[in-house]
Amino acid sequence: MRDFSWKYFTMTGDVESYLLYKEIDHQSKVEPEEEEDIIPDDLELLS
């Protein structure tokens, strides 16, 4: 989806597709950090 929104933006200049691209890019950088925090808590529950 990220690549599609960038390609669409470069072809059309649509600002909303650029904003979508930036939001997806930001989420992809934020989510891995959050997942690392969640995984150790889940492992503690299994022991």
PDB file of N, CA and C in Angstrom:
ATOM      1  N   MET A   1       0.832  -1.189   0.000  1.00  0.00           N
ATOM      2  CA  MET A   1       0.000   0.000   0.000  1.00  0.00           C
ATOM      3  C   MET A   1       0.881   1.260   0.000  1.00  0.00           C
ATOM      4  N   ARG A   2       1.979   1.190   0.723  1.00  0.00           N
ATOM      5  CA  ARG A   2       2.884   2.334   0.799  1.00  0.00           C
ATOM      6  C   ARG A   2       3.450   2.660  -0.580  1.00  0.00           C
ATOM      7  N   ASP A   3       3.903   1.638  -1.288  1.00  0.00           N
ATOM      8  CA  ASP A   3       4.478   1.856  -2.617  1.00  0.00           C
ATOM      9  C   ASP A   3       3.420   2.368  -3.595  1.00  0.00           C
ATOM     10  N   PHE A   4       2.207   1.819  -3.490  1.00  0.00           N
ATOM     11  CA  PHE A   4       1.137   2.258  -4.370  1.00  0.00           C
ATOM     12  C   PHE A   4       0.824   3.737  -4.150  1.00  0.00           C
ATOM     13  N   SER A   5       0.711   4.154  -2.878  1.00  0.00           N
ATOM     14  CA  SER A   5       0.374   5.555  -2.615  1.00  0.00           C
ATOM     15  C   SER A   5       1.476   6.492  -3.111  1.00  0.00           C
ATOM     16  N   TRP A   6       2.751   6.062  -3.008  1.00  0.00           N
ATOM     17  CA  TRP A   6       3.847   6.895  -3.514  1.00  0.00           C
ATOM     18  C   TRP A   6       3.792   6.979  -5.034  1.00  0.00           C
ATOM     19  N   LYS A   7       3.592   5.829  -5.679  1.00  0.00           N
ATOM     20  CA  LYS A   7       3.533   5.806  -7.141  1.00  0.00           C
ATOM     21  C   LYS A   7       2.370   6.673  -7.634  1.00  0.00           C
ATOM     22  N   TYR A   8       1.215   6.552  -6.979  1.00  0.00           N
ATOM     23  CA  TYR A   8       0.051   7.339  -7.367  1.00  0.00           C
ATOM     24  C   TYR A   8       0.334   8.832  -7.188  1.00  0.00           C
ATOM     25  N   PHE A   9       1.000   9.191  -6.085  1.00  0.00           N
ATOM     26  CA  PHE A   9       1.348  10.586  -5.840  1.00  0.00           C
ATOM     27  C   PHE A   9       2.284  11.112  -6.927  1.00  0.00           C
ATOM     28  N   THR A  10       3.310  10.340  -7.274  1.00  0.00           N
ATOM     29  CA  THR A  10       4.262  10.822  -8.276  1.00  0.00           C
ATOM     30  C   THR A  10       3.622  10.969  -9.650  1.00  0.00           C
ATOM     31  N   MET A  11       2.620  10.148  -9.932  1.00  0.00           N
ATOM     32  CA  MET A  11       1.955  10.219 -11.231  1.00  0.00           C
ATOM     33  C   MET A  11       0.908  11.329 -11.297  1.00  0.00           C
ATOM     34  N   THR A  12       0.247  11.607 -10.165  1.00  0.00           N
ATOM     35  CA  THR A  12      -0.882  12.538 -10.193  1.00  0.00           C
ATOM     36  C   THR A  12      -0.623  13.837  -9.439  1.00  0.00           C
ATOM     37  N   GLY A  13       0.279  13.805  -8.460  1.00  0.00           N
ATOM     38  CA  GLY A  13       0.500  14.977  -7.618  1.00  0.00           C
ATOM     39  C   GLY A  13      -0.588  15.161  -6.577  1.00  0.00           C
ATOM     40  N   ASP A  14      -1.389  14.112  -6.353  1.00  0.00           N
ATOM     41  CA  ASP A  14      -2.485  14.171  -5.388  1.00  0.00           C
ATOM     42  C   ASP A  14      -1.936  14.256  -3.962  1.00  0.00           C
ATOM     43  N   VAL A  15      -2.281  15.336  -3.271  1.00  0.00           N
ATOM     44  CA  VAL A  15      -1.752  15.579  -1.925  1.00  0.00           C
ATOM     45  C   VAL A  15      -2.248  14.525  -0.939  1.00  0.00           C
ATOM     46  N   GLU A  16      -3.479  14.078  -1.074  1.00  0.00           N
ATOM     47  CA  GLU A  16      -4.019  13.081  -0.146  1.00  0.00           C
ATOM     48  C   GLU A  16      -3.261  11.760  -0.241  1.00  0.00           C
ATOM     49  N   SER A  17      -2.831  11.392  -1.431  1.00  0.00           N
ATOM     50  CA  SER A  17      -2.049  10.156  -1.558  1.00  0.00           C
ATOM     51  C   SER A  17      -0.678  10.326  -0.902  1.00  0.00           C
ATOM     52  N   TYR A  18      -0.118  11.538  -0.951  1.00  0.00           N
ATOM     53  CA  TYR A  18       1.155  11.793  -0.267  1.00  0.00           C
ATOM     54  C   TYR A  18       0.970  11.695   1.251  1.00  0.00           C
ATOM     55  N   LEU A  19      -0.121  12.253   1.748  1.00  0.00           N
ATOM     56  CA  LEU A  19      -0.395  12.182   3.188  1.00  0.00           C
ATOM     57  C   LEU A  19      -0.608  10.732   3.629  1.00  0.00           C
ATOM     58  N   LEU A  20      -1.272   9.937   2.793  1.00  0.00           N
ATOM     59  CA  LEU A  20      -1.440   8.520   3.086  1.00  0.00           C
ATOM     60  C   LEU A  20      -0.086   7.826   3.129  1.00  0.00           C
ATOM     61  N   TYR A  21       0.769   8.132   2.166  1.00  0.00           N
ATOM     62  CA  TYR A  21       2.118   7.569   2.134  1.00  0.00           C
ATOM     63  C   TYR A  21       2.872   7.888   3.428  1.00  0.00           C
ATOM     64  N   LYS A  22       2.816   9.152   3.844  1.00  0.00           N
ATOM     65  CA  LYS A  22       3.534   9.561   5.059  1.00  0.00           C
ATOM     66  C   LYS A  22       2.961   8.868   6.293  1.00  0.00           C
ATOM     67  N   GLU A  23       1.655   8.701   6.370  1.00  0.00           N
ATOM     68  CA  GLU A  23       1.030   8.038   7.513  1.00  0.00           C
ATOM     69  C   GLU A  23       1.442   6.564   7.571  1.00  0.00           C
ATOM     70  N   ILE A  24       1.425   5.895   6.438  1.00  0.00           N
ATOM     71  CA  ILE A  24       1.830   4.492   6.396  1.00  0.00           C
ATOM     72  C   ILE A  24       3.309   4.364   6.763  1.00  0.00           C
ATOM     73  N   ASP A  25       4.138   5.268   6.273  1.00  0.00           N
ATOM     74  CA  ASP A  25       5.560   5.257   6.583  1.00  0.00           C
ATOM     75  C   ASP A  25       5.786   5.454   8.084  1.00  0.00           C
ATOM     76  N   HIS A  26       5.060   6.391   8.668  1.00  0.00           N
ATOM     77  CA  HIS A  26       5.172   6.652  10.101  1.00  0.00           C
ATOM     78  C   HIS A  26       4.723   5.434  10.911  1.00  0.00           C
ATOM     79  N   GLN A  27       3.609   4.827  10.521  1.00  0.00           N
ATOM     80  CA  GLN A  27       3.106   3.656  11.236  1.00  0.00           C
ATOM     81  C   GLN A  27       4.079   2.488  11.144  1.00  0.00           C
ATOM     82  N   SER A  28       4.731   2.322  10.015  1.00  0.00           N
ATOM     83  CA  SER A  28       5.669   1.207   9.869  1.00  0.00           C
ATOM     84  C   SER A  28       6.892   1.401  10.770  1.00  0.00           C
ATOM     85  N   LYS A  29       7.219   2.635  11.102  1.00  0.00           N
ATOM     86  CA  LYS A  29       8.341   2.897  11.999  1.00  0.00           C
ATOM     87  C   LYS A  29       7.929   2.778  13.460  1.00  0.00           C
ATOM     88  N   VAL A  30       6.670   3.058  13.783  1.00  0.00           N
ATOM     89  CA  VAL A  30       6.188   3.027  15.159  1.00  0.00           C
ATOM     90  C   VAL A  30       5.822   1.615  15.590  1.00  0.00           C
ATOM     91  N   GLU A  31       5.173   0.848  14.746  1.00  0.00           N
ATOM     92  CA  GLU A  31       4.657  -0.457  15.123  1.00  0.00           C
ATOM     93  C   GLU A  31       5.709  -1.457  15.579  1.00  0.00           C
ATOM     94  N   PRO A  32       6.871  -1.583  14.931  1.00  0.00           N
ATOM     95  CA  PRO A  32       7.834  -2.578  15.422  1.00  0.00           C
ATOM     96  C   PRO A  32       8.278  -2.335  16.861  1.00  0.00           C
ATOM     97  N   GLU A  33       8.420  -1.102  17.278  1.00  0.00           N
ATOM     98  CA  GLU A  33       8.795  -0.813  18.654  1.00  0.00           C
ATOM     99  C   GLU A  33       7.707  -1.251  19.614  1.00  0.00           C
ATOM    100  N   GLU A  34       6.453  -1.015  19.253  1.00  0.00           N
ATOM    101  CA  GLU A  34       5.348  -1.415  20.112  1.00  0.00           C
ATOM    102  C   GLU A  34       5.260  -2.926  20.218  1.00  0.00           C
ATOM    103  N   GLU A  35       5.480  -3.646  19.129  1.00  0.00           N
ATOM    104  CA  GLU A  35       5.410  -5.094  19.151  1.00  0.00           C
ATOM    105  C   GLU A  35       6.483  -5.691  20.044  1.00  0.00           C
ATOM    106  N   GLU A  36       7.684  -5.109  20.053  1.00  0.00           N
ATOM    107  CA  GLU A  36       8.744  -5.620  20.905  1.00  0.00           C
ATOM    108  C   GLU A  36       8.356  -5.520  22.373  1.00  0.00           C
ATOM    109  N   ASP A  37       7.644  -4.473  22.747  1.00  0.00           N
ATOM    110  CA  ASP A  37       7.207  -4.316  24.128  1.00  0.00           C
ATOM    111  C   ASP A  37       6.133  -5.337  24.489  1.00  0.00           C
ATOM    112  N   ILE A  38       5.293  -5.685  23.548  1.00  0.00           N
ATOM    113  CA  ILE A  38       4.179  -6.590  23.817  1.00  0.00           C
ATOM    114  C   ILE A  38       4.665  -8.034  23.936  1.00  0.00           C
ATOM    115  N   ILE A  39       5.619  -8.437  23.136  1.00  0.00           N
ATOM    116  CA  ILE A  39       6.055  -9.816  23.095  1.00  0.00           C
ATOM    117  C   ILE A  39       6.592 -10.289  24.452  1.00  0.00           C
ATOM    118  N   PRO A  40       7.480  -9.565  25.164  1.00  0.00           N
ATOM    119  CA  PRO A  40       7.947 -10.066  26.457  1.00  0.00           C
ATOM    120  C   PRO A  40       6.824 -10.225  27.467  1.00  0.00           C
ATOM    121  N   ASP A  41       5.830  -9.348  27.466  1.00  0.00           N
ATOM    122  CA  ASP A  41       4.712  -9.486  28.394  1.00  0.00           C
ATOM    123  C   ASP A  41       3.939 -10.764  28.117  1.00  0.00           C
ATOM    124  N   ASP A  42       3.737 -11.087  26.850  1.00  0.00           N
ATOM    125  CA  ASP A  42       3.026 -12.310  26.480  1.00  0.00           C
ATOM    126  C   ASP A  42       3.814 -13.541  26.915  1.00  0.00           C
ATOM    127  N   LEU A  43       5.124 -13.483  26.788  1.00  0.00           N
ATOM    128  CA  LEU A  43       5.938 -14.632  27.166  1.00  0.00           C
ATOM    129  C   LEU A  43       5.900 -14.869  28.674  1.00  0.00           C
ATOM    130  N   GLU A  44       5.809 -13.811  29.455  1.00  0.00           N
ATOM    131  CA  GLU A  44       5.725 -13.960  30.906  1.00  0.00           C
ATOM    132  C   GLU A  44       4.433 -14.661  31.300  1.00  0.00           C
ATOM    133  N   LEU A  45       3.355 -14.415  30.579  1.00  0.00           N
ATOM    134  CA  LEU A  45       2.075 -15.052  30.873  1.00  0.00           C
ATOM    135  C   LEU A  45       2.109 -16.550  30.591  1.00  0.00           C
ATOM    136  N   LEU A  46       2.942 -16.966  29.644  1.00  0.00           N
ATOM    137  CA  LEU A  46       2.997 -18.385  29.290  1.00  0.00           C
ATOM    138  C   LEU A  46       3.794 -19.185  30.305  1.00  0.00           C
ATOM    139  N   SER A  47       4.688 -18.569  31.073  1.00  0.00           N
ATOM    140  CA  SER A  47       5.502 -19.331  32.011  1.00  0.00           C
ATOM    141  C   SER A  47       4.822 -19.580  33.324  1.00  0.00           C
TER     142      SER A  47
END
